[in-house]
């Protein structure tokens, strides 16, 4: 189903799609975790398909999947890049990220609306790919409690001299959060920038995540390129979180 409302944080009408798990029935007592998917559709379809497989196998609870589509091509960078990232557009115009406004949209508007309209429970998850994975990683450092688990597929974190990596490094040094989970992936056949970003984040998490109490996993997706990594990584990513050794939560 597709719904929309006017966002005061973004000053525009935003759509969101909702895919309900098998067996969902309004009025029933059962409640479901929610996973928010940036660039969805189409990426929410991959997440929903993976969630159905795990639920039917008894490896995870059913999930409500909320897809957040892009309004237009230019708004993707506006929404996903942190406010401390600056670069020049073709033609010389300066651009500054507006992820702080998009975060307010999620935290203050969309998440409360979904949790009022549907039968939801914890955990709350978020999935991002490429620029969306920058937002997912950055959100951990500024609003860690908003999501229990974050999935960053092919994060393009080399932008603006690795400002996102430096921010994550500071956060891991200064903060302890034993109830958060981060999953990182890259396609085996992605380009050198993506590969470098993955290994840089992997090294940082290896060095600092345990002391900070952050649970994490990372994987290189066999045969995947940038465009296919998120589809192929969705199932193992969710499986990693809901496995008993991943989240510590009972399976539904």
C-alpha atoms as a PDB file:
ATOM      1  CA  UNK A   1       0.000   0.000   0.000  1.00  0.00           C
ATOM      2  CA  UNK A   2       1.138   3.550  -0.727  1.00  0.00           C
ATOM      3  CA  UNK A   3       0.460   6.429   1.673  1.00  0.00           C
ATOM      4  CA  UNK A   4       1.536  10.037   1.874  1.00  0.00           C
ATOM      5  CA  UNK A   5       1.506  13.058   4.166  1.00  0.00           C
ATOM      6  CA  UNK A   6       2.968  16.529   4.288  1.00  0.00           C
ATOM      7  CA  UNK A   7       6.291  16.613   6.101  1.00  0.00           C
ATOM      8  CA  UNK A   8       6.931  19.768   8.095  1.00  0.00           C
ATOM      9  CA  UNK A   9      10.590  18.791   8.535  1.00  0.00           C
ATOM     10  CA  UNK A  10      11.141  18.619   4.752  1.00  0.00           C
ATOM     11  CA  UNK A  11       8.399  21.077   3.719  1.00  0.00           C
ATOM     12  CA  UNK A  12       7.029  18.730   1.062  1.00  0.00           C
ATOM     13  CA  UNK A  13       4.606  15.853   0.597  1.00  0.00           C
ATOM     14  CA  UNK A  14       6.351  12.512   1.092  1.00  0.00           C
ATOM     15  CA  UNK A  15       5.178   9.051   0.139  1.00  0.00           C
ATOM     16  CA  UNK A  16       5.891   5.786   1.887  1.00  0.00           C
ATOM     17  CA  UNK A  17       5.000   2.216   0.992  1.00  0.00           C
ATOM     18  CA  UNK A  18       4.055  -0.477   3.481  1.00  0.00           C
ATOM     19  CA  UNK A  19       4.469  -4.195   2.877  1.00  0.00           C
ATOM     20  CA  UNK A  20       2.822  -6.322   5.557  1.00  0.00           C
ATOM     21  CA  UNK A  21       4.059  -9.783   6.571  1.00  0.00           C
ATOM     22  CA  UNK A  22       2.149 -12.963   5.850  1.00  0.00           C
ATOM     23  CA  UNK A  23      -0.589 -13.460   8.409  1.00  0.00           C
ATOM     24  CA  UNK A  24      -0.854  -9.800   9.385  1.00  0.00           C
ATOM     25  CA  UNK A  25      -4.369  -9.090  10.627  1.00  0.00           C
ATOM     26  CA  UNK A  26      -5.660  -5.820  11.996  1.00  0.00           C
ATOM     27  CA  UNK A  27      -7.083  -6.243  15.458  1.00  0.00           C
ATOM     28  CA  UNK A  28      -4.963  -9.289  16.222  1.00  0.00           C
ATOM     29  CA  UNK A  29      -2.719  -9.166  19.270  1.00  0.00           C
ATOM     30  CA  UNK A  30       0.468 -10.010  17.424  1.00  0.00           C
ATOM     31  CA  UNK A  31       2.848  -7.141  16.714  1.00  0.00           C
ATOM     32  CA  UNK A  32       5.762  -6.988  14.265  1.00  0.00           C
ATOM     33  CA  UNK A  33       9.176  -5.330  14.020  1.00  0.00           C
ATOM     34  CA  UNK A  34       9.541  -2.663  11.337  1.00  0.00           C
ATOM     35  CA  UNK A  35      12.348  -2.219   8.831  1.00  0.00           C
ATOM     36  CA  UNK A  36      12.628   1.136   7.050  1.00  0.00           C
ATOM     37  CA  UNK A  37      14.237   0.958   3.600  1.00  0.00           C
ATOM     38  CA  UNK A  38      15.771   4.003   1.926  1.00  0.00           C
ATOM     39  CA  UNK A  39      15.466   4.131  -1.876  1.00  0.00           C
ATOM     40  CA  UNK A  40      12.360   2.022  -1.595  1.00  0.00           C
ATOM     41  CA  UNK A  41      10.822   1.195  -3.889  1.00  0.00           C
ATOM     42  CA  UNK A  42      12.552  -0.614  -5.462  1.00  0.00           C
ATOM     43  CA  UNK A  43      14.912  -1.660  -2.671  1.00  0.00           C
ATOM     44  CA  UNK A  44      12.130  -2.405  -0.195  1.00  0.00           C
ATOM     45  CA  UNK A  45      11.107  -5.297  -2.428  1.00  0.00           C
ATOM     46  CA  UNK A  46      14.447  -7.042  -1.833  1.00  0.00           C
ATOM     47  CA  UNK A  47      14.097  -6.570   1.915  1.00  0.00           C
ATOM     48  CA  UNK A  48      10.511  -7.809   1.962  1.00  0.00           C
ATOM     49  CA  UNK A  49      11.423 -10.912  -0.053  1.00  0.00           C
ATOM     50  CA  UNK A  50      14.285 -11.729   2.318  1.00  0.00           C
ATOM     51  CA  UNK A  51      12.051 -11.153   5.348  1.00  0.00           C
ATOM     52  CA  UNK A  52       9.425 -13.562   4.002  1.00  0.00           C
ATOM     53  CA  UNK A  53      12.025 -16.293   3.491  1.00  0.00           C
ATOM     54  CA  UNK A  54      13.332 -15.976   7.040  1.00  0.00           C
ATOM     55  CA  UNK A  55       9.842 -15.831   8.563  1.00  0.00           C
ATOM     56  CA  UNK A  56       8.697 -18.941   6.687  1.00  0.00           C
ATOM     57  CA  UNK A  57      11.854 -20.747   7.840  1.00  0.00           C
ATOM     58  CA  UNK A  58      11.237 -19.697  11.437  1.00  0.00           C
ATOM     59  CA  UNK A  59      14.556 -17.856  11.437  1.00  0.00           C
ATOM     60  CA  UNK A  60      13.042 -14.404  12.128  1.00  0.00           C
ATOM     61  CA  UNK A  61       9.705 -12.834  13.007  1.00  0.00           C
ATOM     62  CA  UNK A  62       7.574 -11.430  10.238  1.00  0.00           C
ATOM     63  CA  UNK A  63       8.572  -7.865   9.401  1.00  0.00           C
ATOM     64  CA  UNK A  64       6.614  -4.804   8.367  1.00  0.00           C
ATOM     65  CA  UNK A  65       8.665  -3.254   5.550  1.00  0.00           C
ATOM     66  CA  UNK A  66       8.351   0.494   4.996  1.00  0.00           C
ATOM     67  CA  UNK A  67       9.853   1.829   1.783  1.00  0.00           C
ATOM     68  CA  UNK A  68      10.782   5.500   1.511  1.00  0.00           C
ATOM     69  CA  UNK A  69      10.995   6.535  -2.163  1.00  0.00           C
ATOM     70  CA  UNK A  70      13.104   9.384  -3.475  1.00  0.00           C
ATOM     71  CA  UNK A  71      11.101  12.405  -4.548  1.00  0.00           C
ATOM     72  CA  UNK A  72      13.523  13.252  -7.346  1.00  0.00           C
ATOM     73  CA  UNK A  73      17.139  12.584  -8.228  1.00  0.00           C
ATOM     74  CA  UNK A  74      18.529  15.748  -6.634  1.00  0.00           C
ATOM     75  CA  UNK A  75      16.726  15.186  -3.339  1.00  0.00           C
ATOM     76  CA  UNK A  76      18.543  11.899  -2.762  1.00  0.00           C
ATOM     77  CA  UNK A  77      21.840  13.621  -1.984  1.00  0.00           C
ATOM     78  CA  UNK A  78      19.989  16.326  -0.070  1.00  0.00           C
ATOM     79  CA  UNK A  79      18.319  13.770   2.194  1.00  0.00           C
ATOM     80  CA  UNK A  80      21.142  11.289   2.703  1.00  0.00           C
ATOM     81  CA  UNK A  81      24.323  13.368   3.026  1.00  0.00           C
ATOM     82  CA  UNK A  82      25.201  14.757   6.476  1.00  0.00           C
ATOM     83  CA  UNK A  83      25.224  18.533   6.975  1.00  0.00           C
ATOM     84  CA  UNK A  84      28.999  18.553   7.391  1.00  0.00           C
ATOM     85  CA  UNK A  85      29.524  17.231   3.852  1.00  0.00           C
ATOM     86  CA  UNK A  86      30.057  19.970   1.265  1.00  0.00           C
ATOM     87  CA  UNK A  87      30.954  19.734  -2.406  1.00  0.00           C
ATOM     88  CA  UNK A  88      30.664  21.634  -5.651  1.00  0.00           C
ATOM     89  CA  UNK A  89      28.037  20.650  -8.191  1.00  0.00           C
ATOM     90  CA  UNK A  90      28.816  20.783 -11.925  1.00  0.00           C
ATOM     91  CA  UNK A  91      28.701  24.436 -12.830  1.00  0.00           C
ATOM     92  CA  UNK A  92      30.189  25.604  -9.549  1.00  0.00           C
ATOM     93  CA  UNK A  93      27.113  25.659  -7.292  1.00  0.00           C
ATOM     94  CA  UNK A  94      27.887  24.686  -3.697  1.00  0.00           C
ATOM     95  CA  UNK A  95      25.953  21.853  -2.048  1.00  0.00           C
ATOM     96  CA  UNK A  96      25.546  21.013   1.634  1.00  0.00           C
ATOM     97  CA  UNK A  97      23.867  17.836   2.846  1.00  0.00           C
ATOM     98  CA  UNK A  98      20.508  17.988   4.619  1.00  0.00           C
ATOM     99  CA  UNK A  99      20.475  14.638   6.422  1.00  0.00           C
ATOM    100  CA  UNK A 100      19.646  16.403   9.696  1.00  0.00           C
ATOM    101  CA  UNK A 101      16.267  17.427   8.246  1.00  0.00           C
ATOM    102  CA  UNK A 102      15.662  13.945   6.848  1.00  0.00           C
ATOM    103  CA  UNK A 103      16.485  12.486  10.253  1.00  0.00           C
ATOM    104  CA  UNK A 104      13.834  14.726  11.832  1.00  0.00           C
ATOM    105  CA  UNK A 105      11.375  13.527   9.187  1.00  0.00           C
ATOM    106  CA  UNK A 106      12.043   9.931  10.180  1.00  0.00           C
ATOM    107  CA  UNK A 107      12.205  10.411  13.938  1.00  0.00           C
ATOM    108  CA  UNK A 108       9.430  12.936  14.479  1.00  0.00           C
ATOM    109  CA  UNK A 109       7.014  12.186  11.645  1.00  0.00           C
ATOM    110  CA  UNK A 110       7.284   8.895   9.770  1.00  0.00           C
ATOM    111  CA  UNK A 111       8.217   6.492  12.585  1.00  0.00           C
ATOM    112  CA  UNK A 112       5.483   7.767  14.959  1.00  0.00           C
ATOM    113  CA  UNK A 113       2.934   7.629  12.126  1.00  0.00           C
ATOM    114  CA  UNK A 114       3.809   4.024  11.233  1.00  0.00           C
ATOM    115  CA  UNK A 115       3.769   2.962  14.879  1.00  0.00           C
ATOM    116  CA  UNK A 116       0.315   4.506  15.310  1.00  0.00           C
ATOM    117  CA  UNK A 117      -1.194   3.061  12.138  1.00  0.00           C
ATOM    118  CA  UNK A 118       0.220  -0.477  12.337  1.00  0.00           C
ATOM    119  CA  UNK A 119       0.794  -3.205  14.905  1.00  0.00           C
ATOM    120  CA  UNK A 120       4.466  -2.652  15.601  1.00  0.00           C
ATOM    121  CA  UNK A 121       7.009  -3.674  18.197  1.00  0.00           C
ATOM    122  CA  UNK A 122      10.765  -3.606  18.626  1.00  0.00           C
ATOM    123  CA  UNK A 123      13.275  -4.037  17.118  1.00  0.00           C
ATOM    124  CA  UNK A 124      13.266  -1.152  14.640  1.00  0.00           C
ATOM    125  CA  UNK A 125      15.659  -1.491  11.656  1.00  0.00           C
ATOM    126  CA  UNK A 126      16.873   0.655   8.763  1.00  0.00           C
ATOM    127  CA  UNK A 127      18.470  -0.311   5.415  1.00  0.00           C
ATOM    128  CA  UNK A 128      20.456   1.960   3.101  1.00  0.00           C
ATOM    129  CA  UNK A 129      22.485   1.481  -0.079  1.00  0.00           C
ATOM    130  CA  UNK A 130      25.302   3.668  -1.419  1.00  0.00           C
ATOM    131  CA  UNK A 131      24.336   7.259  -0.492  1.00  0.00           C
ATOM    132  CA  UNK A 132      21.621   5.762   1.700  1.00  0.00           C
ATOM    133  CA  UNK A 133      24.285   3.749   3.504  1.00  0.00           C
ATOM    134  CA  UNK A 134      26.080   7.004   4.306  1.00  0.00           C
ATOM    135  CA  UNK A 135      22.915   8.175   6.050  1.00  0.00           C
ATOM    136  CA  UNK A 136      22.531   4.867   7.876  1.00  0.00           C
ATOM    137  CA  UNK A 137      26.115   5.015   9.173  1.00  0.00           C
ATOM    138  CA  UNK A 138      25.911   8.710  10.089  1.00  0.00           C
ATOM    139  CA  UNK A 139      22.607   8.233  11.932  1.00  0.00           C
ATOM    140  CA  UNK A 140      24.316   5.823  14.312  1.00  0.00           C
ATOM    141  CA  UNK A 141      26.513   8.665  15.569  1.00  0.00           C
ATOM    142  CA  UNK A 142      23.786  11.293  16.013  1.00  0.00           C
ATOM    143  CA  UNK A 143      20.655   9.274  16.874  1.00  0.00           C
ATOM    144  CA  UNK A 144      21.803   5.812  17.986  1.00  0.00           C
ATOM    145  CA  UNK A 145      18.594   4.990  19.833  1.00  0.00           C
ATOM    146  CA  UNK A 146      16.343   5.595  16.830  1.00  0.00           C
ATOM    147  CA  UNK A 147      17.132   2.178  15.320  1.00  0.00           C
ATOM    148  CA  UNK A 148      18.153  -1.096  16.950  1.00  0.00           C
ATOM    149  CA  UNK A 149      19.853  -2.387  13.799  1.00  0.00           C
ATOM    150  CA  UNK A 150      21.355  -0.679  10.768  1.00  0.00           C
ATOM    151  CA  UNK A 151      22.302  -2.229   7.424  1.00  0.00           C
ATOM    152  CA  UNK A 152      24.786  -0.276   5.302  1.00  0.00           C
ATOM    153  CA  UNK A 153      25.173  -1.828   1.855  1.00  0.00           C
ATOM    154  CA  UNK A 154      27.927  -0.427  -0.411  1.00  0.00           C
ATOM    155  CA  UNK A 155      28.460   2.727   1.684  1.00  0.00           C
ATOM    156  CA  UNK A 156      29.984   5.557  -0.367  1.00  0.00           C
ATOM    157  CA  UNK A 157      31.781   6.973   2.665  1.00  0.00           C
ATOM    158  CA  UNK A 158      34.906   8.284   0.904  1.00  0.00           C
ATOM    159  CA  UNK A 159      33.119  11.570   0.113  1.00  0.00           C
ATOM    160  CA  UNK A 160      34.460  14.821   1.549  1.00  0.00           C
ATOM    161  CA  UNK A 161      37.684  13.315   2.902  1.00  0.00           C
ATOM    162  CA  UNK A 162      36.037  10.523   4.897  1.00  0.00           C
ATOM    163  CA  UNK A 163      34.117  12.851   7.214  1.00  0.00           C
ATOM    164  CA  UNK A 164      31.631  10.059   8.008  1.00  0.00           C
ATOM    165  CA  UNK A 165      34.421   7.651   8.957  1.00  0.00           C
ATOM    166  CA  UNK A 166      36.019  10.247  11.214  1.00  0.00           C
ATOM    167  CA  UNK A 167      32.673  10.914  12.889  1.00  0.00           C
ATOM    168  CA  UNK A 168      32.082   7.214  13.466  1.00  0.00           C
ATOM    169  CA  UNK A 169      35.578   6.835  14.884  1.00  0.00           C
ATOM    170  CA  UNK A 170      34.959   9.634  17.397  1.00  0.00           C
ATOM    171  CA  UNK A 171      31.577   8.172  18.349  1.00  0.00           C
ATOM    172  CA  UNK A 172      33.042   4.718  18.932  1.00  0.00           C
ATOM    173  CA  UNK A 173      35.755   6.226  21.110  1.00  0.00           C
ATOM    174  CA  UNK A 174      33.381   8.315  23.216  1.00  0.00           C
ATOM    175  CA  UNK A 175      30.246   6.172  23.426  1.00  0.00           C
ATOM    176  CA  UNK A 176      29.183   2.757  24.647  1.00  0.00           C
ATOM    177  CA  UNK A 177      26.009   1.194  23.219  1.00  0.00           C
ATOM    178  CA  UNK A 178      25.641  -2.525  23.823  1.00  0.00           C
ATOM    179  CA  UNK A 179      22.181  -2.759  22.267  1.00  0.00           C
ATOM    180  CA  UNK A 180      22.908  -1.612  18.712  1.00  0.00           C
ATOM    181  CA  UNK A 181      23.847  -3.631  15.611  1.00  0.00           C
ATOM    182  CA  UNK A 182      25.525  -2.606  12.348  1.00  0.00           C
ATOM    183  CA  UNK A 183      25.832  -4.749   9.229  1.00  0.00           C
ATOM    184  CA  UNK A 184      28.226  -3.756   6.460  1.00  0.00           C
ATOM    185  CA  UNK A 185      28.434  -5.215   2.956  1.00  0.00           C
ATOM    186  CA  UNK A 186      30.097  -4.619  -0.396  1.00  0.00           C
ATOM    187  CA  UNK A 187      29.905  -6.496  -3.687  1.00  0.00           C
ATOM    188  CA  UNK A 188      32.966  -8.523  -4.620  1.00  0.00           C
ATOM    189  CA  UNK A 189      32.953  -6.865  -8.062  1.00  0.00           C
ATOM    190  CA  UNK A 190      32.356  -3.274  -7.000  1.00  0.00           C
ATOM    191  CA  UNK A 191      34.844  -0.557  -7.919  1.00  0.00           C
ATOM    192  CA  UNK A 192      37.943   0.462  -5.975  1.00  0.00           C
ATOM    193  CA  UNK A 193      36.267   3.361  -4.155  1.00  0.00           C
ATOM    194  CA  UNK A 194      33.577   1.082  -2.718  1.00  0.00           C
ATOM    195  CA  UNK A 195      36.095  -1.612  -1.863  1.00  0.00           C
ATOM    196  CA  UNK A 196      38.324   0.923  -0.115  1.00  0.00           C
ATOM    197  CA  UNK A 197      35.371   2.335   1.833  1.00  0.00           C
ATOM    198  CA  UNK A 198      34.338  -1.133   2.981  1.00  0.00           C
ATOM    199  CA  UNK A 199      37.813  -2.081   4.164  1.00  0.00           C
ATOM    200  CA  UNK A 200      38.281   1.268   5.900  1.00  0.00           C
ATOM    201  CA  UNK A 201      35.045   0.810   7.839  1.00  0.00           C
ATOM    202  CA  UNK A 202      35.872  -2.836   8.513  1.00  0.00           C
ATOM    203  CA  UNK A 203      39.238  -1.865  10.001  1.00  0.00           C
ATOM    204  CA  UNK A 204      37.640   0.831  12.144  1.00  0.00           C
ATOM    205  CA  UNK A 205      34.965  -1.490  13.486  1.00  0.00           C
ATOM    206  CA  UNK A 206      37.526  -4.233  14.141  1.00  0.00           C
ATOM    207  CA  UNK A 207      39.588  -1.799  16.199  1.00  0.00           C
ATOM    208  CA  UNK A 208      36.900   0.041  18.149  1.00  0.00           C
ATOM    209  CA  UNK A 209      33.439  -1.566  18.032  1.00  0.00           C
ATOM    210  CA  UNK A 210      33.988  -4.140  20.788  1.00  0.00           C
ATOM    211  CA  UNK A 211      35.129  -1.554  23.319  1.00  0.00           C
ATOM    212  CA  UNK A 212      32.150   0.632  22.410  1.00  0.00           C
ATOM    213  CA  UNK A 213      29.743  -2.285  22.825  1.00  0.00           C
ATOM    214  CA  UNK A 214      28.562  -2.115  19.219  1.00  0.00           C
ATOM    215  CA  UNK A 215      27.685  -5.482  17.721  1.00  0.00           C
ATOM    216  CA  UNK A 216      28.493  -5.738  14.022  1.00  0.00           C
ATOM    217  CA  UNK A 217      29.048  -8.059  11.104  1.00  0.00           C
ATOM    218  CA  UNK A 218      30.477  -7.488   7.638  1.00  0.00           C
ATOM    219  CA  UNK A 219      30.538  -9.471   4.423  1.00  0.00           C
ATOM    220  CA  UNK A 220      31.728  -9.281   0.830  1.00  0.00           C
ATOM    221  CA  UNK A 221      28.879 -10.440  -1.409  1.00  0.00           C
ATOM    222  CA  UNK A 222      30.116 -12.965  -4.021  1.00  0.00           C
ATOM    223  CA  UNK A 223      29.755 -11.922  -7.678  1.00  0.00           C
ATOM    224  CA  UNK A 224      27.845  -8.741  -6.824  1.00  0.00           C
ATOM    225  CA  UNK A 225      28.384  -5.345  -8.451  1.00  0.00           C
ATOM    226  CA  UNK A 226      27.170  -2.042  -7.045  1.00  0.00           C
ATOM    227  CA  UNK A 227      23.714  -2.370  -8.569  1.00  0.00           C
ATOM    228  CA  UNK A 228      23.139  -5.948  -7.351  1.00  0.00           C
ATOM    229  CA  UNK A 229      24.818  -5.968  -3.956  1.00  0.00           C
ATOM    230  CA  UNK A 230      21.849  -4.794  -1.909  1.00  0.00           C
ATOM    231  CA  UNK A 231      19.554  -7.423  -3.456  1.00  0.00           C
ATOM    232  CA  UNK A 232      21.995 -10.268  -2.838  1.00  0.00           C
ATOM    233  CA  UNK A 233      23.036  -9.049   0.607  1.00  0.00           C
ATOM    234  CA  UNK A 234      19.522  -8.539   2.021  1.00  0.00           C
ATOM    235  CA  UNK A 235      18.926 -12.134   3.086  1.00  0.00           C
ATOM    236  CA  UNK A 236      22.307 -12.783   4.785  1.00  0.00           C
ATOM    237  CA  UNK A 237      22.137  -9.364   6.453  1.00  0.00           C
ATOM    238  CA  UNK A 238      18.767  -9.979   8.083  1.00  0.00           C
ATOM    239  CA  UNK A 239      19.775 -13.538   8.916  1.00  0.00           C
ATOM    240  CA  UNK A 240      22.876 -12.249  10.692  1.00  0.00           C
ATOM    241  CA  UNK A 241      20.862  -9.917  12.886  1.00  0.00           C
ATOM    242  CA  UNK A 242      18.114 -12.334  13.845  1.00  0.00           C
ATOM    243  CA  UNK A 243      20.414 -15.303  14.426  1.00  0.00           C
ATOM    244  CA  UNK A 244      20.699 -16.037  18.169  1.00  0.00           C
ATOM    245  CA  UNK A 245      24.358 -15.017  18.111  1.00  0.00           C
ATOM    246  CA  UNK A 246      23.563 -11.839  16.166  1.00  0.00           C
ATOM    247  CA  UNK A 247      20.975  -9.936  18.150  1.00  0.00           C
ATOM    248  CA  UNK A 248      20.415 -12.045  21.230  1.00  0.00           C
ATOM    249  CA  UNK A 249      16.677 -11.636  20.626  1.00  0.00           C
ATOM    250  CA  UNK A 250      14.349 -14.657  20.528  1.00  0.00           C
ATOM    251  CA  UNK A 251      13.186 -15.584  17.083  1.00  0.00           C
ATOM    252  CA  UNK A 252       9.465 -15.064  16.407  1.00  0.00           C
END
